Amino acid sequence: MVIIDLVIAAKLTFILGITNIISLILVWFTCRCTLGRKLTNKLWNYEWYKKLYNLHCYFWWIFIGSVIIHAILAILVFGIPF
């Protein structure tokens, strides 16, 4: 029984992989812990960063959701190699 067409699942896996990378970069860029105090203090002078920072929690949810779906689709398409 095929739940989803394998070609579509492979394409979705690729798109979700790109989504993982972009959302992880956004999470890192909006995290005050990873950028360091100097860079974070400079960025807080800009309104665009404050607006972007307000979305930090949403970036986490996008990242976690895309990783879970990406992993499930990858296992369905490519199987477990062990």
PDB file of N, CA and C in Angstrom:
ATOM      1  N   MET A   1       0.836  -1.174   0.000  1.00  0.00           N
ATOM      2  CA  MET A   1       0.000   0.000   0.000  1.00  0.00           C
ATOM      3  C   MET A   1       0.887   1.247   0.000  1.00  0.00           C
ATOM      4  N   VAL A   2       0.677   2.096  -0.975  1.00  0.00           N
ATOM      5  CA  VAL A   2       1.470   3.320  -1.086  1.00  0.00           C
ATOM      6  C   VAL A   2       0.649   4.480  -0.542  1.00  0.00           C
ATOM      7  N   ILE A   3       1.172   5.129   0.471  1.00  0.00           N
ATOM      8  CA  ILE A   3       0.473   6.247   1.096  1.00  0.00           C
ATOM      9  C   ILE A   3       0.585   7.496   0.228  1.00  0.00           C
ATOM     10  N   ILE A   4       1.776   7.701  -0.346  1.00  0.00           N
ATOM     11  CA  ILE A   4       2.047   8.886  -1.140  1.00  0.00           C
ATOM     12  C   ILE A   4       2.930   8.469  -2.315  1.00  0.00           C
ATOM     13  N   ASP A   5       2.751   9.129  -3.440  1.00  0.00           N
ATOM     14  CA  ASP A   5       3.581   8.845  -4.607  1.00  0.00           C
ATOM     15  C   ASP A   5       5.037   9.114  -4.251  1.00  0.00           C
ATOM     16  N   LEU A   6       5.918   8.174  -4.582  1.00  0.00           N
ATOM     17  CA  LEU A   6       7.318   8.279  -4.177  1.00  0.00           C
ATOM     18  C   LEU A   6       8.033   9.461  -4.815  1.00  0.00           C
ATOM     19  N   VAL A   7       7.674   9.813  -6.029  1.00  0.00           N
ATOM     20  CA  VAL A   7       8.308  10.964  -6.683  1.00  0.00           C
ATOM     21  C   VAL A   7       7.929  12.255  -5.958  1.00  0.00           C
ATOM     22  N   ILE A   8       6.659  12.389  -5.623  1.00  0.00           N
ATOM     23  CA  ILE A   8       6.214  13.567  -4.880  1.00  0.00           C
ATOM     24  C   ILE A   8       6.862  13.589  -3.499  1.00  0.00           C
ATOM     25  N   ALA A   9       6.944  12.438  -2.852  1.00  0.00           N
ATOM     26  CA  ALA A   9       7.568  12.370  -1.529  1.00  0.00           C
ATOM     27  C   ALA A   9       9.045  12.749  -1.596  1.00  0.00           C
ATOM     28  N   ALA A  10       9.750  12.323  -2.641  1.00  0.00           N
ATOM     29  CA  ALA A  10      11.161  12.677  -2.793  1.00  0.00           C
ATOM     30  C   ALA A  10      11.319  14.189  -3.002  1.00  0.00           C
ATOM     31  N   LYS A  11      10.437  14.774  -3.799  1.00  0.00           N
ATOM     32  CA  LYS A  11      10.493  16.219  -4.020  1.00  0.00           C
ATOM     33  C   LYS A  11      10.181  16.984  -2.736  1.00  0.00           C
ATOM     34  N   LEU A  12       9.181  16.519  -1.993  1.00  0.00           N
ATOM     35  CA  LEU A  12       8.849  17.145  -0.711  1.00  0.00           C
ATOM     36  C   LEU A  12      10.001  17.018   0.288  1.00  0.00           C
ATOM     37  N   THR A  13      10.682  15.879   0.267  1.00  0.00           N
ATOM     38  CA  THR A  13      11.828  15.679   1.143  1.00  0.00           C
ATOM     39  C   THR A  13      12.910  16.705   0.849  1.00  0.00           C
ATOM     40  N   PHE A  14      13.159  16.948  -0.437  1.00  0.00           N
ATOM     41  CA  PHE A  14      14.155  17.944  -0.832  1.00  0.00           C
ATOM     42  C   PHE A  14      13.735  19.345  -0.386  1.00  0.00           C
ATOM     43  N   ILE A  15      12.479  19.702  -0.645  1.00  0.00           N
ATOM     44  CA  ILE A  15      11.979  21.031  -0.267  1.00  0.00           C
ATOM     45  C   ILE A  15      12.035  21.213   1.247  1.00  0.00           C
ATOM     46  N   LEU A  16      11.670  20.191   1.995  1.00  0.00           N
ATOM     47  CA  LEU A  16      11.729  20.276   3.450  1.00  0.00           C
ATOM     48  C   LEU A  16      13.169  20.346   3.954  1.00  0.00           C
ATOM     49  N   GLY A  17      14.099  19.737   3.242  1.00  0.00           N
ATOM     50  CA  GLY A  17      15.509  19.866   3.595  1.00  0.00           C
ATOM     51  C   GLY A  17      15.975  21.307   3.472  1.00  0.00           C
ATOM     52  N   ILE A  18      15.566  21.977   2.400  1.00  0.00           N
ATOM     53  CA  ILE A  18      15.885  23.397   2.221  1.00  0.00           C
ATOM     54  C   ILE A  18      15.192  24.227   3.305  1.00  0.00           C
ATOM     55  N   THR A  19      13.952  23.886   3.620  1.00  0.00           N
ATOM     56  CA  THR A  19      13.222  24.570   4.685  1.00  0.00           C
ATOM     57  C   THR A  19      13.936  24.396   6.021  1.00  0.00           C
ATOM     58  N   ASN A  20      14.470  23.213   6.278  1.00  0.00           N
ATOM     59  CA  ASN A  20      15.243  22.973   7.500  1.00  0.00           C
ATOM     60  C   ASN A  20      16.431  23.918   7.589  1.00  0.00           C
ATOM     61  N   ILE A  21      17.166  24.043   6.504  1.00  0.00           N
ATOM     62  CA  ILE A  21      18.358  24.894   6.497  1.00  0.00           C
ATOM     63  C   ILE A  21      17.988  26.358   6.724  1.00  0.00           C
ATOM     64  N   ILE A  22      16.992  26.836   5.998  1.00  0.00           N
ATOM     65  CA  ILE A  22      16.591  28.247   6.117  1.00  0.00           C
ATOM     66  C   ILE A  22      16.047  28.540   7.513  1.00  0.00           C
ATOM     67  N   SER A  23      15.188  27.668   8.024  1.00  0.00           N
ATOM     68  CA  SER A  23      14.617  27.928   9.350  1.00  0.00           C
ATOM     69  C   SER A  23      15.678  27.813  10.440  1.00  0.00           C
ATOM     70  N   LEU A  24      16.650  26.922  10.283  1.00  0.00           N
ATOM     71  CA  LEU A  24      17.725  26.824  11.267  1.00  0.00           C
ATOM     72  C   LEU A  24      18.580  28.092  11.259  1.00  0.00           C
ATOM     73  N   ILE A  25      18.853  28.640  10.086  1.00  0.00           N
ATOM     74  CA  ILE A  25      19.598  29.900   9.995  1.00  0.00           C
ATOM     75  C   ILE A  25      18.812  31.022  10.666  1.00  0.00           C
ATOM     76  N   LEU A  26      17.508  31.069  10.429  1.00  0.00           N
ATOM     77  CA  LEU A  26      16.683  32.101  11.071  1.00  0.00           C
ATOM     78  C   LEU A  26      16.646  31.941  12.588  1.00  0.00           C
ATOM     79  N   VAL A  27      16.567  30.704  13.067  1.00  0.00           N
ATOM     80  CA  VAL A  27      16.595  30.460  14.512  1.00  0.00           C
ATOM     81  C   VAL A  27      17.927  30.933  15.078  1.00  0.00           C
ATOM     82  N   TRP A  28      19.024  30.580  14.425  1.00  0.00           N
ATOM     83  CA  TRP A  28      20.350  30.970  14.905  1.00  0.00           C
ATOM     84  C   TRP A  28      20.516  32.487  14.888  1.00  0.00           C
ATOM     85  N   PHE A  29      20.056  33.113  13.809  1.00  0.00           N
ATOM     86  CA  PHE A  29      20.236  34.555  13.652  1.00  0.00           C
ATOM     87  C   PHE A  29      19.408  35.359  14.649  1.00  0.00           C
ATOM     88  N   THR A  30      18.290  34.827  15.091  1.00  0.00           N
ATOM     89  CA  THR A  30      17.434  35.549  16.034  1.00  0.00           C
ATOM     90  C   THR A  30      17.650  35.111  17.479  1.00  0.00           C
ATOM     91  N   CYS A  31      18.613  34.235  17.709  1.00  0.00           N
ATOM     92  CA  CYS A  31      18.887  33.769  19.069  1.00  0.00           C
ATOM     93  C   CYS A  31      19.940  34.661  19.712  1.00  0.00           C
ATOM     94  N   ARG A  32      19.594  35.214  20.849  1.00  0.00           N
ATOM     95  CA  ARG A  32      20.527  36.105  21.550  1.00  0.00           C
ATOM     96  C   ARG A  32      21.707  35.337  22.135  1.00  0.00           C
ATOM     97  N   CYS A  33      21.555  34.067  22.364  1.00  0.00           N
ATOM     98  CA  CYS A  33      22.620  33.278  22.986  1.00  0.00           C
ATOM     99  C   CYS A  33      23.751  32.954  22.009  1.00  0.00           C
ATOM    100  N   THR A  34      23.435  32.693  20.761  1.00  0.00           N
ATOM    101  CA  THR A  34      24.447  32.216  19.824  1.00  0.00           C
ATOM    102  C   THR A  34      25.197  33.330  19.098  1.00  0.00           C
ATOM    103  N   LEU A  35      24.621  34.497  18.985  1.00  0.00           N
ATOM    104  CA  LEU A  35      25.281  35.567  18.244  1.00  0.00           C
ATOM    105  C   LEU A  35      26.334  36.295  19.068  1.00  0.00           C
ATOM    106  N   GLY A  36      26.227  36.230  20.337  1.00  0.00           N
ATOM    107  CA  GLY A  36      27.158  36.955  21.190  1.00  0.00           C
ATOM    108  C   GLY A  36      26.596  38.309  21.563  1.00  0.00           C
ATOM    109  N   ARG A  37      27.081  38.827  22.663  1.00  0.00           N
ATOM    110  CA  ARG A  37      26.542  40.071  23.211  1.00  0.00           C
ATOM    111  C   ARG A  37      26.818  41.274  22.316  1.00  0.00           C
ATOM    112  N   LYS A  38      28.017  41.387  21.751  1.00  0.00           N
ATOM    113  CA  LYS A  38      28.362  42.567  20.944  1.00  0.00           C
ATOM    114  C   LYS A  38      27.484  42.676  19.703  1.00  0.00           C
ATOM    115  N   LEU A  39      27.402  41.585  18.951  1.00  0.00           N
ATOM    116  CA  LEU A  39      26.613  41.615  17.714  1.00  0.00           C
ATOM    117  C   LEU A  39      25.133  41.803  18.015  1.00  0.00           C
ATOM    118  N   THR A  40      24.632  41.121  19.045  1.00  0.00           N
ATOM    119  CA  THR A  40      23.222  41.252  19.399  1.00  0.00           C
ATOM    120  C   THR A  40      22.879  42.681  19.798  1.00  0.00           C
ATOM    121  N   ASN A  41      23.743  43.307  20.589  1.00  0.00           N
ATOM    122  CA  ASN A  41      23.495  44.690  20.998  1.00  0.00           C
ATOM    123  C   ASN A  41      23.482  45.636  19.805  1.00  0.00           C
ATOM    124  N   LYS A  42      24.329  45.391  18.813  1.00  0.00           N
ATOM    125  CA  LYS A  42      24.331  46.227  17.600  1.00  0.00           C
ATOM    126  C   LYS A  42      23.049  46.020  16.794  1.00  0.00           C
ATOM    127  N   LEU A  43      22.623  44.756  16.693  1.00  0.00           N
ATOM    128  CA  LEU A  43      21.425  44.460  15.904  1.00  0.00           C
ATOM    129  C   LEU A  43      20.159  45.020  16.540  1.00  0.00           C
ATOM    130  N   TRP A  44      20.133  45.151  17.867  1.00  0.00           N
ATOM    131  CA  TRP A  44      18.952  45.675  18.550  1.00  0.00           C
ATOM    132  C   TRP A  44      18.685  47.139  18.204  1.00  0.00           C
ATOM    133  N   ASN A  45      19.630  47.816  17.565  1.00  0.00           N
ATOM    134  CA  ASN A  45      19.415  49.196  17.143  1.00  0.00           C
ATOM    135  C   ASN A  45      18.540  49.290  15.896  1.00  0.00           C
ATOM    136  N   TYR A  46      18.303  48.178  15.228  1.00  0.00           N
ATOM    137  CA  TYR A  46      17.540  48.166  13.981  1.00  0.00           C
ATOM    138  C   TYR A  46      16.125  47.629  14.205  1.00  0.00           C
ATOM    139  N   GLU A  47      15.156  48.338  13.654  1.00  0.00           N
ATOM    140  CA  GLU A  47      13.748  47.924  13.789  1.00  0.00           C
ATOM    141  C   GLU A  47      13.479  46.595  13.088  1.00  0.00           C
ATOM    142  N   TRP A  48      14.116  46.375  11.927  1.00  0.00           N
ATOM    143  CA  TRP A  48      13.866  45.136  11.186  1.00  0.00           C
ATOM    144  C   TRP A  48      14.304  43.920  12.010  1.00  0.00           C
ATOM    145  N   TYR A  49      15.374  44.065  12.808  1.00  0.00           N
ATOM    146  CA  TYR A  49      15.821  42.945  13.635  1.00  0.00           C
ATOM    147  C   TYR A  49      14.854  42.693  14.784  1.00  0.00           C
ATOM    148  N   LYS A  50      14.312  43.761  15.351  1.00  0.00           N
ATOM    149  CA  LYS A  50      13.342  43.598  16.434  1.00  0.00           C
ATOM    150  C   LYS A  50      12.100  42.864  15.939  1.00  0.00           C
ATOM    151  N   LYS A  51      11.656  43.204  14.727  1.00  0.00           N
ATOM    152  CA  LYS A  51      10.494  42.516  14.150  1.00  0.00           C
ATOM    153  C   LYS A  51      10.830  41.053  13.852  1.00  0.00           C
ATOM    154  N   LEU A  52      12.044  40.822  13.333  1.00  0.00           N
ATOM    155  CA  LEU A  52      12.477  39.456  13.042  1.00  0.00           C
ATOM    156  C   LEU A  52      12.619  38.646  14.331  1.00  0.00           C
ATOM    157  N   TYR A  53      13.141  39.285  15.371  1.00  0.00           N
ATOM    158  CA  TYR A  53      13.324  38.615  16.650  1.00  0.00           C
ATOM    159  C   TYR A  53      11.985  38.198  17.265  1.00  0.00           C
ATOM    160  N   ASN A  54      10.942  38.985  17.048  1.00  0.00           N
ATOM    161  CA  ASN A  54       9.615  38.640  17.567  1.00  0.00           C
ATOM    162  C   ASN A  54       9.078  37.341  16.967  1.00  0.00           C
ATOM    163  N   LEU A  55       9.628  36.913  15.844  1.00  0.00           N
ATOM    164  CA  LEU A  55       9.192  35.684  15.184  1.00  0.00           C
ATOM    165  C   LEU A  55      10.037  34.471  15.568  1.00  0.00           C
ATOM    166  N   HIS A  56      10.975  34.648  16.489  1.00  0.00           N
ATOM    167  CA  HIS A  56      11.926  33.590  16.853  1.00  0.00           C
ATOM    168  C   HIS A  56      11.234  32.278  17.229  1.00  0.00           C
ATOM    169  N   CYS A  57      10.214  32.340  18.051  1.00  0.00           N
ATOM    170  CA  CYS A  57       9.518  31.115  18.478  1.00  0.00           C
ATOM    171  C   CYS A  57       8.836  30.414  17.307  1.00  0.00           C
ATOM    172  N   TYR A  58       8.306  31.200  16.382  1.00  0.00           N
ATOM    173  CA  TYR A  58       7.679  30.608  15.194  1.00  0.00           C
ATOM    174  C   TYR A  58       8.718  29.914  14.329  1.00  0.00           C
ATOM    175  N   PHE A  59       9.910  30.463  14.223  1.00  0.00           N
ATOM    176  CA  PHE A  59      10.978  29.817  13.449  1.00  0.00           C
ATOM    177  C   PHE A  59      11.306  28.449  14.033  1.00  0.00           C
ATOM    178  N   TRP A  60      11.275  28.343  15.367  1.00  0.00           N
ATOM    179  CA  TRP A  60      11.511  27.052  16.005  1.00  0.00           C
ATOM    180  C   TRP A  60      10.439  26.036  15.612  1.00  0.00           C
ATOM    181  N   TRP A  61       9.167  26.447  15.658  1.00  0.00           N
ATOM    182  CA  TRP A  61       8.086  25.533  15.303  1.00  0.00           C
ATOM    183  C   TRP A  61       8.175  25.098  13.842  1.00  0.00           C
ATOM    184  N   ILE A  62       8.515  26.029  12.964  1.00  0.00           N
ATOM    185  CA  ILE A  62       8.695  25.675  11.546  1.00  0.00           C
ATOM    186  C   ILE A  62       9.830  24.676  11.402  1.00  0.00           C
ATOM    187  N   PHE A  63      10.942  24.934  12.092  1.00  0.00           N
ATOM    188  CA  PHE A  63      12.094  24.038  12.018  1.00  0.00           C
ATOM    189  C   PHE A  63      11.757  22.640  12.531  1.00  0.00           C
ATOM    190  N   ILE A  64      11.152  22.553  13.705  1.00  0.00           N
ATOM    191  CA  ILE A  64      10.833  21.252  14.300  1.00  0.00           C
ATOM    192  C   ILE A  64       9.842  20.481  13.429  1.00  0.00           C
ATOM    193  N   GLY A  65       8.802  21.176  12.954  1.00  0.00           N
ATOM    194  CA  GLY A  65       7.815  20.515  12.096  1.00  0.00           C
ATOM    195  C   GLY A  65       8.414  20.024  10.794  1.00  0.00           C
ATOM    196  N   SER A  66       9.249  20.834  10.172  1.00  0.00           N
ATOM    197  CA  SER A  66       9.835  20.418   8.895  1.00  0.00           C
ATOM    198  C   SER A  66      10.828  19.282   9.081  1.00  0.00           C
ATOM    199  N   VAL A  67      11.547  19.260  10.198  1.00  0.00           N
ATOM    200  CA  VAL A  67      12.479  18.158  10.453  1.00  0.00           C
ATOM    201  C   VAL A  67      11.721  16.843  10.639  1.00  0.00           C
ATOM    202  N   ILE A  68      10.632  16.887  11.381  1.00  0.00           N
ATOM    203  CA  ILE A  68       9.854  15.661  11.620  1.00  0.00           C
ATOM    204  C   ILE A  68       9.261  15.130  10.310  1.00  0.00           C
ATOM    205  N   ILE A  69       8.625  16.006   9.545  1.00  0.00           N
ATOM    206  CA  ILE A  69       8.030  15.570   8.274  1.00  0.00           C
ATOM    207  C   ILE A  69       9.109  15.125   7.300  1.00  0.00           C
ATOM    208  N   HIS A  70      10.229  15.846   7.265  1.00  0.00           N
ATOM    209  CA  HIS A  70      11.359  15.494   6.401  1.00  0.00           C
ATOM    210  C   HIS A  70      11.875  14.085   6.736  1.00  0.00           C
ATOM    211  N   ALA A  71      12.018  13.793   8.013  1.00  0.00           N
ATOM    212  CA  ALA A  71      12.527  12.487   8.432  1.00  0.00           C
ATOM    213  C   ALA A  71      11.555  11.367   8.061  1.00  0.00           C
ATOM    214  N   ILE A  72      10.267  11.602   8.282  1.00  0.00           N
ATOM    215  CA  ILE A  72       9.270  10.579   7.950  1.00  0.00           C
ATOM    216  C   ILE A  72       9.255  10.302   6.451  1.00  0.00           C
ATOM    217  N   LEU A  73       9.250  11.356   5.646  1.00  0.00           N
ATOM    218  CA  LEU A  73       9.247  11.181   4.194  1.00  0.00           C
ATOM    219  C   LEU A  73      10.532  10.520   3.706  1.00  0.00           C
ATOM    220  N   ALA A  74      11.659  10.882   4.294  1.00  0.00           N
ATOM    221  CA  ALA A  74      12.937  10.297   3.889  1.00  0.00           C
ATOM    222  C   ALA A  74      12.937   8.786   4.162  1.00  0.00           C
ATOM    223  N   ILE A  75      12.384   8.385   5.300  1.00  0.00           N
ATOM    224  CA  ILE A  75      12.315   6.958   5.616  1.00  0.00           C
ATOM    225  C   ILE A  75      11.351   6.247   4.658  1.00  0.00           C
ATOM    226  N   LEU A  76      10.228   6.881   4.337  1.00  0.00           N
ATOM    227  CA  LEU A  76       9.275   6.268   3.406  1.00  0.00           C
ATOM    228  C   LEU A  76       9.869   6.118   2.008  1.00  0.00           C
ATOM    229  N   VAL A  77      10.600   7.122   1.552  1.00  0.00           N
ATOM    230  CA  VAL A  77      11.138   7.099   0.187  1.00  0.00           C
ATOM    231  C   VAL A  77      12.396   6.254   0.095  1.00  0.00           C
ATOM    232  N   PHE A  78      13.332   6.477   0.995  1.00  0.00           N
ATOM    233  CA  PHE A  78      14.644   5.850   0.872  1.00  0.00           C
ATOM    234  C   PHE A  78      14.842   4.646   1.783  1.00  0.00           C
ATOM    235  N   GLY A  79      13.962   4.468   2.749  1.00  0.00           N
ATOM    236  CA  GLY A  79      14.077   3.349   3.668  1.00  0.00           C
ATOM    237  C   GLY A  79      15.131   3.571   4.722  1.00  0.00           C
ATOM    238  N   ILE A  80      15.320   2.566   5.550  1.00  0.00           N
ATOM    239  CA  ILE A  80      16.336   2.606   6.598  1.00  0.00           C
ATOM    240  C   ILE A  80      17.518   1.783   6.094  1.00  0.00           C
ATOM    241  N   PRO A  81      18.702   2.380   5.999  1.00  0.00           N
ATOM    242  CA  PRO A  81      19.827   1.692   5.352  1.00  0.00           C
ATOM    243  C   PRO A  81      20.523   0.649   6.224  1.00  0.00           C
ATOM    244  N   PHE A  82      19.987   0.294   7.370  1.00  0.00           N
ATOM    245  CA  PHE A  82      20.662  -0.686   8.233  1.00  0.00           C
ATOM    246  C   PHE A  82      19.897  -1.974   8.305  1.00  0.00           C
TER     247      PHE A  82
END
